[in-house]
Amino acid sequence: MNARTNIQILNGPNGAPAFVVIPYADYIREHEGKGDYIPHEVVSLMVDNDWTPVRAWREHLGLTQSGMAERLGVSQSAYAQQEVSGKLRKTSREKIAAALGIDAELLNL
């Protein structure tokens, strides 16, 4: 059977399976709605650079401001203003979270 899969099994020193690696997007999709998982990298970006959660998530996911603006149907400058805002409206937060593919609660810090 040669079915393609997005997972990778890593064996330990004894040759037995020890870890399973899945694409990040699949992991996020499986954990949507739980709202309790923020990757260490996102927290580090926020703390080290004094960034908002929106910017930290965007950078973590490798997206540009222009790319986010396109996903949201707004101009890059309009998105840039939202990204630095410490207080997003609930509807804006939900739209941005959907564009990032994460739960809106993860932007509520």
PDB file of N, CA and C in Angstrom:
ATOM      1  N   MET A   1       0.847  -1.178   0.000  1.00  0.00           N
ATOM      2  CA  MET A   1       0.000   0.000   0.000  1.00  0.00           C
ATOM      3  C   MET A   1       0.890   1.238   0.000  1.00  0.00           C
ATOM      4  N   ASN A   2       0.670   2.105  -0.983  1.00  0.00           N
ATOM      5  CA  ASN A   2       1.484   3.307  -1.125  1.00  0.00           C
ATOM      6  C   ASN A   2       0.660   4.576  -0.953  1.00  0.00           C
ATOM      7  N   ALA A   3      -0.246   4.583  -0.019  1.00  0.00           N
ATOM      8  CA  ALA A   3      -1.068   5.767   0.227  1.00  0.00           C
ATOM      9  C   ALA A   3      -0.204   6.896   0.761  1.00  0.00           C
ATOM     10  N   ARG A   4      -0.426   8.108   0.218  1.00  0.00           N
ATOM     11  CA  ARG A   4       0.318   9.273   0.706  1.00  0.00           C
ATOM     12  C   ARG A   4      -0.251   9.704   2.042  1.00  0.00           C
ATOM     13  N   THR A   5       0.618  10.150   2.906  1.00  0.00           N
ATOM     14  CA  THR A   5       0.194  10.597   4.224  1.00  0.00           C
ATOM     15  C   THR A   5       0.991  11.826   4.622  1.00  0.00           C
ATOM     16  N   ASN A   6       0.424  12.619   5.500  1.00  0.00           N
ATOM     17  CA  ASN A   6       1.092  13.829   5.986  1.00  0.00           C
ATOM     18  C   ASN A   6       1.767  13.607   7.323  1.00  0.00           C
ATOM     19  N   ILE A   7       1.841  12.375   7.782  1.00  0.00           N
ATOM     20  CA  ILE A   7       2.469  12.131   9.071  1.00  0.00           C
ATOM     21  C   ILE A   7       3.813  11.453   8.871  1.00  0.00           C
ATOM     22  N   GLN A   8       4.645  11.600   9.865  1.00  0.00           N
ATOM     23  CA  GLN A   8       5.954  10.954   9.854  1.00  0.00           C
ATOM     24  C   GLN A   8       6.148  10.326  11.221  1.00  0.00           C
ATOM     25  N   ILE A   9       6.574   9.079  11.233  1.00  0.00           N
ATOM     26  CA  ILE A   9       6.834   8.379  12.491  1.00  0.00           C
ATOM     27  C   ILE A   9       8.339   8.334  12.695  1.00  0.00           C
ATOM     28  N   LEU A  10       8.765   8.778  13.874  1.00  0.00           N
ATOM     29  CA  LEU A  10      10.186   8.764  14.214  1.00  0.00           C
ATOM     30  C   LEU A  10      10.425   7.672  15.246  1.00  0.00           C
ATOM     31  N   ASN A  11      11.391   6.864  14.963  1.00  0.00           N
ATOM     32  CA  ASN A  11      11.729   5.775  15.880  1.00  0.00           C
ATOM     33  C   ASN A  11      12.760   6.225  16.892  1.00  0.00           C
ATOM     34  N   GLY A  12      12.671   5.636  18.076  1.00  0.00           N
ATOM     35  CA  GLY A  12      13.631   5.894  19.134  1.00  0.00           C
ATOM     36  C   GLY A  12      14.888   5.058  18.942  1.00  0.00           C
ATOM     37  N   PRO A  13      15.834   5.140  19.861  1.00  0.00           N
ATOM     38  CA  PRO A  13      17.096   4.413  19.755  1.00  0.00           C
ATOM     39  C   PRO A  13      16.908   2.894  19.664  1.00  0.00           C
ATOM     40  N   ASN A  14      15.827   2.396  20.236  1.00  0.00           N
ATOM     41  CA  ASN A  14      15.602   0.950  20.200  1.00  0.00           C
ATOM     42  C   ASN A  14      14.868   0.511  18.944  1.00  0.00           C
ATOM     43  N   GLY A  15      14.569   1.448  18.036  1.00  0.00           N
ATOM     44  CA  GLY A  15      13.900   1.115  16.790  1.00  0.00           C
ATOM     45  C   GLY A  15      12.384   1.132  16.867  1.00  0.00           C
ATOM     46  N   ALA A  16      11.839   1.297  18.051  1.00  0.00           N
ATOM     47  CA  ALA A  16      10.385   1.342  18.208  1.00  0.00           C
ATOM     48  C   ALA A  16       9.882   2.758  17.951  1.00  0.00           C
ATOM     49  N   PRO A  17       8.660   2.901  17.433  1.00  0.00           N
ATOM     50  CA  PRO A  17       8.107   4.244  17.226  1.00  0.00           C
ATOM     51  C   PRO A  17       8.114   5.049  18.528  1.00  0.00           C
ATOM     52  N   ALA A  18       8.602   6.285  18.447  1.00  0.00           N
ATOM     53  CA  ALA A  18       8.691   7.131  19.633  1.00  0.00           C
ATOM     54  C   ALA A  18       7.918   8.441  19.468  1.00  0.00           C
ATOM     55  N   PHE A  19       7.841   8.961  18.245  1.00  0.00           N
ATOM     56  CA  PHE A  19       7.184  10.245  17.995  1.00  0.00           C
ATOM     57  C   PHE A  19       6.420  10.184  16.684  1.00  0.00           C
ATOM     58  N   VAL A  20       5.378  10.998  16.594  1.00  0.00           N
ATOM     59  CA  VAL A  20       4.644  11.172  15.348  1.00  0.00           C
ATOM     60  C   VAL A  20       4.670  12.657  15.026  1.00  0.00           C
ATOM     61  N   VAL A  21       5.069  12.998  13.816  1.00  0.00           N
ATOM     62  CA  VAL A  21       5.131  14.380  13.370  1.00  0.00           C
ATOM     63  C   VAL A  21       3.999  14.588  12.362  1.00  0.00           C
ATOM     64  N   ILE A  22       3.203  15.636  12.606  1.00  0.00           N
ATOM     65  CA  ILE A  22       2.128  15.987  11.679  1.00  0.00           C
ATOM     66  C   ILE A  22       2.310  17.434  11.265  1.00  0.00           C
ATOM     67  N   PRO A  23       1.774  17.823  10.110  1.00  0.00           N
ATOM     68  CA  PRO A  23       1.874  19.225   9.703  1.00  0.00           C
ATOM     69  C   PRO A  23       1.198  20.136  10.732  1.00  0.00           C
ATOM     70  N   TYR A  24       1.770  21.314  10.927  1.00  0.00           N
ATOM     71  CA  TYR A  24       1.264  22.251  11.923  1.00  0.00           C
ATOM     72  C   TYR A  24      -0.198  22.602  11.665  1.00  0.00           C
ATOM     73  N   ALA A  25      -0.538  22.833  10.403  1.00  0.00           N
ATOM     74  CA  ALA A  25      -1.922  23.192  10.072  1.00  0.00           C
ATOM     75  C   ALA A  25      -2.885  22.081  10.494  1.00  0.00           C
ATOM     76  N   ASP A  26      -2.486  20.820  10.331  1.00  0.00           N
ATOM     77  CA  ASP A  26      -3.328  19.706  10.764  1.00  0.00           C
ATOM     78  C   ASP A  26      -3.486  19.710  12.278  1.00  0.00           C
ATOM     79  N   TYR A  27      -2.412  19.989  12.978  1.00  0.00           N
ATOM     80  CA  TYR A  27      -2.477  20.038  14.441  1.00  0.00           C
ATOM     81  C   TYR A  27      -3.443  21.125  14.905  1.00  0.00           C
ATOM     82  N   ILE A  28      -3.316  22.317  14.314  1.00  0.00           N
ATOM     83  CA  ILE A  28      -4.191  23.429  14.683  1.00  0.00           C
ATOM     84  C   ILE A  28      -5.640  23.070  14.374  1.00  0.00           C
ATOM     85  N   ARG A  29      -5.878  22.479  13.209  1.00  0.00           N
ATOM     86  CA  ARG A  29      -7.229  22.100  12.827  1.00  0.00           C
ATOM     87  C   ARG A  29      -7.832  21.122  13.835  1.00  0.00           C
ATOM     88  N   GLU A  30      -7.034  20.180  14.307  1.00  0.00           N
ATOM     89  CA  GLU A  30      -7.504  19.191  15.277  1.00  0.00           C
ATOM     90  C   GLU A  30      -7.777  19.810  16.643  1.00  0.00           C
ATOM     91  N   HIS A  31      -7.130  20.925  16.933  1.00  0.00           N
ATOM     92  CA  HIS A  31      -7.279  21.548  18.245  1.00  0.00           C
ATOM     93  C   HIS A  31      -8.089  22.834  18.210  1.00  0.00           C
ATOM     94  N   GLU A  32      -8.742  23.109  17.073  1.00  0.00           N
ATOM     95  CA  GLU A  32      -9.582  24.299  16.967  1.00  0.00           C
ATOM     96  C   GLU A  32     -10.679  24.260  18.020  1.00  0.00           C
ATOM     97  N   GLY A  33     -10.992  25.422  18.516  1.00  0.00           N
ATOM     98  CA  GLY A  33     -12.079  25.523  19.476  1.00  0.00           C
ATOM     99  C   GLY A  33     -11.659  25.269  20.904  1.00  0.00           C
ATOM    100  N   LYS A  34     -10.484  24.728  21.100  1.00  0.00           N
ATOM    101  CA  LYS A  34     -10.036  24.469  22.466  1.00  0.00           C
ATOM    102  C   LYS A  34      -9.465  25.725  23.096  1.00  0.00           C
ATOM    103  N   GLY A  35      -8.893  26.602  22.251  1.00  0.00           N
ATOM    104  CA  GLY A  35      -8.461  27.905  22.704  1.00  0.00           C
ATOM    105  C   GLY A  35      -7.432  27.913  23.815  1.00  0.00           C
ATOM    106  N   ASP A  36      -6.736  26.820  24.031  1.00  0.00           N
ATOM    107  CA  ASP A  36      -5.822  26.784  25.170  1.00  0.00           C
ATOM    108  C   ASP A  36      -4.378  26.513  24.778  1.00  0.00           C
ATOM    109  N   TYR A  37      -4.063  26.498  23.504  1.00  0.00           N
ATOM    110  CA  TYR A  37      -2.702  26.190  23.099  1.00  0.00           C
ATOM    111  C   TYR A  37      -2.095  27.348  22.325  1.00  0.00           C
ATOM    112  N   ILE A  38      -1.067  27.933  22.889  1.00  0.00           N
ATOM    113  CA  ILE A  38      -0.299  28.966  22.201  1.00  0.00           C
ATOM    114  C   ILE A  38       1.131  28.461  22.136  1.00  0.00           C
ATOM    115  N   PRO A  39       1.664  28.279  20.924  1.00  0.00           N
ATOM    116  CA  PRO A  39       3.032  27.779  20.803  1.00  0.00           C
ATOM    117  C   PRO A  39       4.042  28.685  21.504  1.00  0.00           C
ATOM    118  N   HIS A  40       5.059  28.076  22.045  1.00  0.00           N
ATOM    119  CA  HIS A  40       6.125  28.812  22.725  1.00  0.00           C
ATOM    120  C   HIS A  40       6.704  29.898  21.819  1.00  0.00           C
ATOM    121  N   GLU A  41       6.834  29.597  20.540  1.00  0.00           N
ATOM    122  CA  GLU A  41       7.410  30.557  19.607  1.00  0.00           C
ATOM    123  C   GLU A  41       6.577  31.837  19.544  1.00  0.00           C
ATOM    124  N   VAL A  42       5.254  31.698  19.604  1.00  0.00           N
ATOM    125  CA  VAL A  42       4.374  32.869  19.559  1.00  0.00           C
ATOM    126  C   VAL A  42       4.558  33.706  20.820  1.00  0.00           C
ATOM    127  N   VAL A  43       4.596  33.051  21.955  1.00  0.00           N
ATOM    128  CA  VAL A  43       4.790  33.767  23.217  1.00  0.00           C
ATOM    129  C   VAL A  43       6.150  34.467  23.215  1.00  0.00           C
ATOM    130  N   SER A  44       7.175  33.789  22.746  1.00  0.00           N
ATOM    131  CA  SER A  44       8.514  34.387  22.685  1.00  0.00           C
ATOM    132  C   SER A  44       8.531  35.618  21.790  1.00  0.00           C
ATOM    133  N   LEU A  45       7.876  35.537  20.643  1.00  0.00           N
ATOM    134  CA  LEU A  45       7.824  36.696  19.749  1.00  0.00           C
ATOM    135  C   LEU A  45       7.137  37.877  20.422  1.00  0.00           C
ATOM    136  N   MET A  46       6.076  37.601  21.170  1.00  0.00           N
ATOM    137  CA  MET A  46       5.368  38.675  21.870  1.00  0.00           C
ATOM    138  C   MET A  46       6.244  39.306  22.941  1.00  0.00           C
ATOM    139  N   VAL A  47       6.890  38.484  23.733  1.00  0.00           N
ATOM    140  CA  VAL A  47       7.686  38.981  24.857  1.00  0.00           C
ATOM    141  C   VAL A  47       8.977  39.635  24.378  1.00  0.00           C
ATOM    142  N   ASP A  48       9.703  38.961  23.499  1.00  0.00           N
ATOM    143  CA  ASP A  48      11.008  39.454  23.054  1.00  0.00           C
ATOM    144  C   ASP A  48      10.916  40.731  22.227  1.00  0.00           C
ATOM    145  N   ASN A  49       9.826  40.876  21.464  1.00  0.00           N
ATOM    146  CA  ASN A  49       9.716  42.001  20.543  1.00  0.00           C
ATOM    147  C   ASN A  49       8.636  43.007  20.923  1.00  0.00           C
ATOM    148  N   ASP A  50       7.928  42.737  22.008  1.00  0.00           N
ATOM    149  CA  ASP A  50       6.812  43.582  22.440  1.00  0.00           C
ATOM    150  C   ASP A  50       5.773  43.710  21.324  1.00  0.00           C
ATOM    151  N   TRP A  51       5.434  42.569  20.709  1.00  0.00           N
ATOM    152  CA  TRP A  51       4.456  42.516  19.640  1.00  0.00           C
ATOM    153  C   TRP A  51       3.089  42.140  20.186  1.00  0.00           C
ATOM    154  N   THR A  52       2.059  42.513  19.450  1.00  0.00           N
ATOM    155  CA  THR A  52       0.702  42.090  19.779  1.00  0.00           C
ATOM    156  C   THR A  52       0.561  40.604  19.416  1.00  0.00           C
ATOM    157  N   PRO A  53      -0.432  39.928  19.981  1.00  0.00           N
ATOM    158  CA  PRO A  53      -0.667  38.529  19.601  1.00  0.00           C
ATOM    159  C   PRO A  53      -0.911  38.368  18.101  1.00  0.00           C
ATOM    160  N   VAL A  54      -1.583  39.333  17.493  1.00  0.00           N
ATOM    161  CA  VAL A  54      -1.869  39.243  16.061  1.00  0.00           C
ATOM    162  C   VAL A  54      -0.572  39.205  15.254  1.00  0.00           C
ATOM    163  N   ARG A  55       0.333  40.105  15.563  1.00  0.00           N
ATOM    164  CA  ARG A  55       1.591  40.132  14.807  1.00  0.00           C
ATOM    165  C   ARG A  55       2.426  38.878  15.097  1.00  0.00           C
ATOM    166  N   ALA A  56       2.483  38.483  16.347  1.00  0.00           N
ATOM    167  CA  ALA A  56       3.272  37.304  16.697  1.00  0.00           C
ATOM    168  C   ALA A  56       2.756  36.063  15.955  1.00  0.00           C
ATOM    169  N   TRP A  57       1.448  35.877  15.913  1.00  0.00           N
ATOM    170  CA  TRP A  57       0.873  34.735  15.181  1.00  0.00           C
ATOM    171  C   TRP A  57       1.177  34.851  13.686  1.00  0.00           C
ATOM    172  N   ARG A  58       1.026  36.048  13.129  1.00  0.00           N
ATOM    173  CA  ARG A  58       1.283  36.224  11.691  1.00  0.00           C
ATOM    174  C   ARG A  58       2.727  35.872  11.358  1.00  0.00           C
ATOM    175  N   GLU A  59       3.643  36.401  12.153  1.00  0.00           N
ATOM    176  CA  GLU A  59       5.069  36.120  11.926  1.00  0.00           C
ATOM    177  C   GLU A  59       5.356  34.629  12.118  1.00  0.00           C
ATOM    178  N   HIS A  60       4.785  34.044  13.155  1.00  0.00           N
ATOM    179  CA  HIS A  60       4.988  32.622  13.444  1.00  0.00           C
ATOM    180  C   HIS A  60       4.527  31.745  12.278  1.00  0.00           C
ATOM    181  N   LEU A  61       3.433  32.138  11.649  1.00  0.00           N
ATOM    182  CA  LEU A  61       2.886  31.355  10.540  1.00  0.00           C
ATOM    183  C   LEU A  61       3.507  31.714   9.197  1.00  0.00           C
ATOM    184  N   GLY A  62       4.448  32.658   9.216  1.00  0.00           N
ATOM    185  CA  GLY A  62       5.179  33.006   7.996  1.00  0.00           C
ATOM    186  C   GLY A  62       4.364  33.796   6.981  1.00  0.00           C
ATOM    187  N   LEU A  63       3.437  34.589   7.464  1.00  0.00           N
ATOM    188  CA  LEU A  63       2.591  35.383   6.575  1.00  0.00           C
ATOM    189  C   LEU A  63       3.054  36.833   6.552  1.00  0.00           C
ATOM    190  N   THR A  64       2.802  37.502   5.451  1.00  0.00           N
ATOM    191  CA  THR A  64       3.123  38.927   5.338  1.00  0.00           C
ATOM    192  C   THR A  64       1.881  39.754   5.659  1.00  0.00           C
ATOM    193  N   GLN A  65       2.096  41.035   5.926  1.00  0.00           N
ATOM    194  CA  GLN A  65       0.958  41.923   6.132  1.00  0.00           C
ATOM    195  C   GLN A  65       0.113  41.998   4.867  1.00  0.00           C
ATOM    196  N   SER A  66       0.758  42.030   3.725  1.00  0.00           N
ATOM    197  CA  SER A  66       0.018  42.080   2.460  1.00  0.00           C
ATOM    198  C   SER A  66      -0.822  40.826   2.270  1.00  0.00           C
ATOM    199  N   GLY A  67      -0.247  39.681   2.606  1.00  0.00           N
ATOM    200  CA  GLY A  67      -0.979  38.425   2.499  1.00  0.00           C
ATOM    201  C   GLY A  67      -2.186  38.389   3.411  1.00  0.00           C
ATOM    202  N   MET A  68      -2.013  38.880   4.633  1.00  0.00           N
ATOM    203  CA  MET A  68      -3.131  38.935   5.577  1.00  0.00           C
ATOM    204  C   MET A  68      -4.200  39.900   5.079  1.00  0.00           C
ATOM    205  N   ALA A  69      -3.773  41.061   4.587  1.00  0.00           N
ATOM    206  CA  ALA A  69      -4.724  42.050   4.079  1.00  0.00           C
ATOM    207  C   ALA A  69      -5.546  41.452   2.933  1.00  0.00           C
ATOM    208  N   GLU A  70      -4.886  40.710   2.074  1.00  0.00           N
ATOM    209  CA  GLU A  70      -5.585  40.061   0.964  1.00  0.00           C
ATOM    210  C   GLU A  70      -6.610  39.054   1.475  1.00  0.00           C
ATOM    211  N   ARG A  71      -6.221  38.259   2.467  1.00  0.00           N
ATOM    212  CA  ARG A  71      -7.148  37.281   3.053  1.00  0.00           C
ATOM    213  C   ARG A  71      -8.358  37.965   3.675  1.00  0.00           C
ATOM    214  N   LEU A  72      -8.147  39.151   4.232  1.00  0.00           N
ATOM    215  CA  LEU A  72      -9.210  39.878   4.920  1.00  0.00           C
ATOM    216  C   LEU A  72      -9.999  40.806   3.997  1.00  0.00           C
ATOM    217  N   GLY A  73      -9.484  41.029   2.806  1.00  0.00           N
ATOM    218  CA  GLY A  73     -10.164  41.929   1.875  1.00  0.00           C
ATOM    219  C   GLY A  73     -10.037  43.393   2.248  1.00  0.00           C
ATOM    220  N   VAL A  74      -8.893  43.753   2.854  1.00  0.00           N
ATOM    221  CA  VAL A  74      -8.630  45.144   3.230  1.00  0.00           C
ATOM    222  C   VAL A  74      -7.268  45.548   2.676  1.00  0.00           C
ATOM    223  N   SER A  75      -6.949  46.824   2.779  1.00  0.00           N
ATOM    224  CA  SER A  75      -5.628  47.283   2.327  1.00  0.00           C
ATOM    225  C   SER A  75      -4.563  46.873   3.338  1.00  0.00           C
ATOM    226  N   GLN A  76      -3.327  46.856   2.891  1.00  0.00           N
ATOM    227  CA  GLN A  76      -2.215  46.505   3.780  1.00  0.00           C
ATOM    228  C   GLN A  76      -2.107  47.502   4.915  1.00  0.00           C
ATOM    229  N   SER A  77      -2.323  48.794   4.631  1.00  0.00           N
ATOM    230  CA  SER A  77      -2.212  49.803   5.693  1.00  0.00           C
ATOM    231  C   SER A  77      -3.339  49.651   6.717  1.00  0.00           C
ATOM    232  N   ALA A  78      -4.524  49.285   6.256  1.00  0.00           N
ATOM    233  CA  ALA A  78      -5.636  49.068   7.195  1.00  0.00           C
ATOM    234  C   ALA A  78      -5.337  47.873   8.095  1.00  0.00           C
ATOM    235  N   TYR A  79      -4.786  46.810   7.497  1.00  0.00           N
ATOM    236  CA  TYR A  79      -4.434  45.645   8.308  1.00  0.00           C
ATOM    237  C   TYR A  79      -3.325  46.008   9.293  1.00  0.00           C
ATOM    238  N   ALA A  80      -2.334  46.770   8.852  1.00  0.00           N
ATOM    239  CA  ALA A  80      -1.214  47.145   9.718  1.00  0.00           C
ATOM    240  C   ALA A  80      -1.717  47.887  10.965  1.00  0.00           C
ATOM    241  N   GLN A  81      -2.729  48.725  10.800  1.00  0.00           N
ATOM    242  CA  GLN A  81      -3.295  49.433  11.944  1.00  0.00           C
ATOM    243  C   GLN A  81      -3.968  48.462  12.906  1.00  0.00           C
ATOM    244  N   GLN A  82      -4.674  47.482  12.364  1.00  0.00           N
ATOM    245  CA  GLN A  82      -5.311  46.487  13.223  1.00  0.00           C
ATOM    246  C   GLN A  82      -4.265  45.667  13.979  1.00  0.00           C
ATOM    247  N   GLU A  83      -3.178  45.340  13.282  1.00  0.00           N
ATOM    248  CA  GLU A  83      -2.158  44.484  13.864  1.00  0.00           C
ATOM    249  C   GLU A  83      -1.492  45.108  15.089  1.00  0.00           C
ATOM    250  N   VAL A  84      -1.332  46.402  15.099  1.00  0.00           N
ATOM    251  CA  VAL A  84      -0.678  47.057  16.237  1.00  0.00           C
ATOM    252  C   VAL A  84      -1.661  47.486  17.318  1.00  0.00           C
ATOM    253  N   SER A  85      -2.947  47.358  17.027  1.00  0.00           N
ATOM    254  CA  SER A  85      -3.959  47.772  17.995  1.00  0.00           C
ATOM    255  C   SER A  85      -3.970  46.840  19.199  1.00  0.00           C
ATOM    256  N   GLY A  86      -3.933  47.437  20.370  1.00  0.00           N
ATOM    257  CA  GLY A  86      -4.015  46.659  21.597  1.00  0.00           C
ATOM    258  C   GLY A  86      -5.429  46.229  21.920  1.00  0.00           C
ATOM    259  N   LYS A  87      -6.389  46.894  21.290  1.00  0.00           N
ATOM    260  CA  LYS A  87      -7.804  46.586  21.546  1.00  0.00           C
ATOM    261  C   LYS A  87      -8.532  46.417  20.226  1.00  0.00           C
ATOM    262  N   LEU A  88      -8.690  45.184  19.793  1.00  0.00           N
ATOM    263  CA  LEU A  88      -9.455  44.897  18.587  1.00  0.00           C
ATOM    264  C   LEU A  88     -10.912  44.669  18.947  1.00  0.00           C
ATOM    265  N   ARG A  89     -11.795  45.097  18.062  1.00  0.00           N
ATOM    266  CA  ARG A  89     -13.198  44.752  18.243  1.00  0.00           C
ATOM    267  C   ARG A  89     -13.350  43.240  18.075  1.00  0.00           C
ATOM    268  N   LYS A  90     -14.365  42.693  18.702  1.00  0.00           N
ATOM    269  CA  LYS A  90     -14.586  41.248  18.648  1.00  0.00           C
ATOM    270  C   LYS A  90     -14.700  40.767  17.204  1.00  0.00           C
ATOM    271  N   THR A  91     -15.415  41.489  16.367  1.00  0.00           N
ATOM    272  CA  THR A  91     -15.594  41.054  14.975  1.00  0.00           C
ATOM    273  C   THR A  91     -14.269  41.080  14.213  1.00  0.00           C
ATOM    274  N   SER A  92     -13.451  42.097  14.473  1.00  0.00           N
ATOM    275  CA  SER A  92     -12.139  42.173  13.819  1.00  0.00           C
ATOM    276  C   SER A  92     -11.251  41.026  14.273  1.00  0.00           C
ATOM    277  N   ARG A  93     -11.248  40.766  15.586  1.00  0.00           N
ATOM    278  CA  ARG A  93     -10.446  39.673  16.138  1.00  0.00           C
ATOM    279  C   ARG A  93     -10.869  38.335  15.523  1.00  0.00           C
ATOM    280  N   GLU A  94     -12.168  38.124  15.381  1.00  0.00           N
ATOM    281  CA  GLU A  94     -12.670  36.870  14.809  1.00  0.00           C
ATOM    282  C   GLU A  94     -12.281  36.718  13.343  1.00  0.00           C
ATOM    283  N   LYS A  95     -12.350  37.810  12.576  1.00  0.00           N
ATOM    284  CA  LYS A  95     -11.966  37.760  11.163  1.00  0.00           C
ATOM    285  C   LYS A  95     -10.471  37.490  11.013  1.00  0.00           C
ATOM    286  N   ILE A  96      -9.666  38.157  11.824  1.00  0.00           N
ATOM    287  CA  ILE A  96      -8.218  37.959  11.755  1.00  0.00           C
ATOM    288  C   ILE A  96      -7.860  36.534  12.157  1.00  0.00           C
ATOM    289  N   ALA A  97      -8.476  36.038  13.216  1.00  0.00           N
ATOM    290  CA  ALA A  97      -8.216  34.665  13.660  1.00  0.00           C
ATOM    291  C   ALA A  97      -8.579  33.672  12.567  1.00  0.00           C
ATOM    292  N   ALA A  98      -9.708  33.881  11.911  1.00  0.00           N
ATOM    293  CA  ALA A  98     -10.112  32.979  10.823  1.00  0.00           C
ATOM    294  C   ALA A  98      -9.093  33.014   9.690  1.00  0.00           C
ATOM    295  N   ALA A  99      -8.592  34.211   9.374  1.00  0.00           N
ATOM    296  CA  ALA A  99      -7.581  34.343   8.319  1.00  0.00           C
ATOM    297  C   ALA A  99      -6.275  33.644   8.705  1.00  0.00           C
ATOM    298  N   LEU A 100      -5.976  33.622  10.005  1.00  0.00           N
ATOM    299  CA  LEU A 100      -4.776  32.949  10.497  1.00  0.00           C
ATOM    300  C   LEU A 100      -4.997  31.446  10.671  1.00  0.00           C
ATOM    301  N   GLY A 101      -6.259  31.030  10.706  1.00  0.00           N
ATOM    302  CA  GLY A 101      -6.574  29.628  10.906  1.00  0.00           C
ATOM    303  C   GLY A 101      -6.483  29.193  12.371  1.00  0.00           C
ATOM    304  N   ILE A 102      -6.741  30.145  13.267  1.00  0.00           N
ATOM    305  CA  ILE A 102      -6.678  29.847  14.702  1.00  0.00           C
ATOM    306  C   ILE A 102      -7.967  30.265  15.378  1.00  0.00           C
ATOM    307  N   ASP A 103      -8.160  29.851  16.618  1.00  0.00           N
ATOM    308  CA  ASP A 103      -9.317  30.251  17.404  1.00  0.00           C
ATOM    309  C   ASP A 103      -9.151  31.694  17.849  1.00  0.00           C
ATOM    310  N   ALA A 104     -10.221  32.463  17.791  1.00  0.00           N
ATOM    311  CA  ALA A 104     -10.154  33.883  18.158  1.00  0.00           C
ATOM    312  C   ALA A 104      -9.688  34.096  19.591  1.00  0.00           C
ATOM    313  N   GLU A 105      -9.958  33.157  20.469  1.00  0.00           N
ATOM    314  CA  GLU A 105      -9.538  33.285  21.875  1.00  0.00           C
ATOM    315  C   GLU A 105      -8.016  33.344  22.008  1.00  0.00           C
ATOM    316  N   LEU A 106      -7.295  32.800  21.016  1.00  0.00           N
ATOM    317  CA  LEU A 106      -5.828  32.812  21.076  1.00  0.00           C
ATOM    318  C   LEU A 106      -5.271  34.211  20.833  1.00  0.00           C
ATOM    319  N   LEU A 107      -6.100  35.125  20.381  1.00  0.00           N
ATOM    320  CA  LEU A 107      -5.671  36.517  20.175  1.00  0.00           C
ATOM    321  C   LEU A 107      -6.100  37.405  21.335  1.00  0.00           C
ATOM    322  N   ASN A 108      -6.720  36.829  22.311  1.00  0.00           N
ATOM    323  CA  ASN A 108      -7.308  37.561  23.431  1.00  0.00           C
ATOM    324  C   ASN A 108      -6.366  37.558  24.633  1.00  0.00           C
ATOM    325  N   LEU A 109      -5.228  38.184  24.505  1.00  0.00           N
ATOM    326  CA  LEU A 109      -4.263  38.179  25.603  1.00  0.00           C
ATOM    327  C   LEU A 109      -4.114  39.544  26.212  1.00  0.00           C
TER     328      LEU A 109
END
